[in-house]
Amino acid sequence: MKDIKILGTGCPKCKQTTAVVEEAVHKLGIDARVEKVEDIVEIMKYNVLSTPAVVVDGSVVFKGRVPSTSEMETILAR
C-alpha cells in the first residue's frame, strides 16, 4: 500500500492537488492511503517551503505546484 500525503494549508491549489491524487489512485486502482497534512509544523518536517506538495512513501515528489493527473499516475505506477 502506498502512503501519500498532500502537504498544504487548505488553499484552492491544495484542494486541486488532493483531487488530482485521488483521481490518479482511482484510475490506477492501487491500494493507497491518502492523507491531507495542514499543520505547518508537520509540513516543515519535509523541508517544504512552498505548497502544495505531495509526498509518496516518505519522499517529496512534487512541491510548489499542482501536478497533472498523468504526472501523478507516472509517480504512483512505480
Protein backbone atom coordinates (compact mmCIF):
# COMPACT_ATOMS: atom_id res chain seq x y z
CA MET A 1 0.00 0.00 0.00
CA LYS A 2 1.28 3.44 -0.93
CA ASP A 3 1.35 6.15 1.72
CA ILE A 4 0.52 9.51 0.12
CA LYS A 5 0.48 12.82 1.94
CA ILE A 6 -0.71 16.12 0.48
CA LEU A 7 1.01 18.98 2.26
CA GLY A 8 -0.82 22.28 2.26
CA THR A 9 -2.86 24.67 4.36
CA GLY A 10 -6.15 24.09 2.56
CA CYS A 11 -5.78 26.65 -0.24
CA PRO A 12 -7.53 26.11 -3.61
CA LYS A 13 -4.33 24.66 -5.16
CA CYS A 14 -4.01 22.24 -2.25
CA LYS A 15 -7.59 21.09 -2.78
CA GLN A 16 -6.94 20.71 -6.51
CA THR A 17 -3.85 18.62 -5.75
CA THR A 18 -5.91 16.37 -3.49
CA ALA A 19 -8.41 15.83 -6.32
CA VAL A 20 -5.60 15.01 -8.78
CA VAL A 21 -4.03 12.49 -6.38
CA GLU A 22 -7.37 10.81 -5.65
CA GLU A 23 -8.19 10.63 -9.38
CA ALA A 24 -4.79 9.05 -10.17
CA VAL A 25 -5.20 6.49 -7.37
CA HIS A 26 -8.68 5.63 -8.64
CA LYS A 27 -7.58 5.36 -12.30
CA LEU A 28 -4.70 3.07 -11.43
CA GLY A 29 -6.77 1.04 -8.98
CA ILE A 30 -3.93 0.94 -6.46
CA ASP A 31 -4.15 0.46 -2.73
CA ALA A 32 -3.19 3.79 -1.18
CA ARG A 33 -3.77 5.80 1.95
CA VAL A 34 -4.19 9.49 1.12
CA GLU A 35 -3.73 11.91 3.99
CA LYS A 36 -4.02 15.69 3.99
CA VAL A 37 -1.44 17.43 6.19
CA GLU A 38 -2.41 21.01 7.03
CA ASP A 39 -0.29 21.54 10.16
CA ILE A 40 2.56 23.88 9.22
CA VAL A 41 4.90 22.24 11.76
CA GLU A 42 4.35 18.84 10.12
CA ILE A 43 4.80 20.35 6.64
CA MET A 44 8.13 21.90 7.69
CA LYS A 45 9.41 18.45 8.71
CA TYR A 46 9.52 17.65 4.98
CA ASN A 47 11.66 20.75 4.29
CA VAL A 48 8.93 22.11 2.02
CA LEU A 49 8.71 25.89 1.76
CA SER A 50 6.07 26.15 -0.97
CA THR A 51 2.81 24.25 -1.09
CA PRO A 52 1.06 22.28 -2.33
CA ALA A 53 3.44 19.35 -2.06
CA VAL A 54 2.95 15.63 -2.50
CA VAL A 55 4.84 13.00 -0.50
CA VAL A 56 4.77 9.36 -1.63
CA ASP A 57 6.17 6.74 0.75
CA GLY A 58 8.19 9.38 2.61
CA SER A 59 9.71 11.15 -0.44
CA VAL A 60 8.63 14.58 -1.67
CA VAL A 61 7.71 14.09 -5.36
CA PHE A 62 6.08 17.46 -6.14
CA LYS A 63 6.26 20.84 -4.43
CA GLY A 64 5.07 24.33 -5.19
CA ARG A 65 2.64 23.35 -7.94
CA VAL A 66 -0.33 21.18 -8.80
CA PRO A 67 0.79 18.05 -10.68
CA SER A 68 -1.19 16.83 -13.67
CA THR A 69 -3.10 13.57 -13.33
CA SER A 70 -0.73 11.89 -15.81
CA GLU A 71 2.34 13.06 -13.83
CA MET A 72 0.79 11.67 -10.66
CA GLU A 73 -0.06 8.36 -12.36
CA THR A 74 3.54 8.02 -13.54
CA ILE A 75 4.85 8.51 -10.00
CA LEU A 76 2.32 6.12 -8.46
CA ALA A 77 2.87 3.40 -11.08
CA ARG A 78 6.48 2.94 -9.94
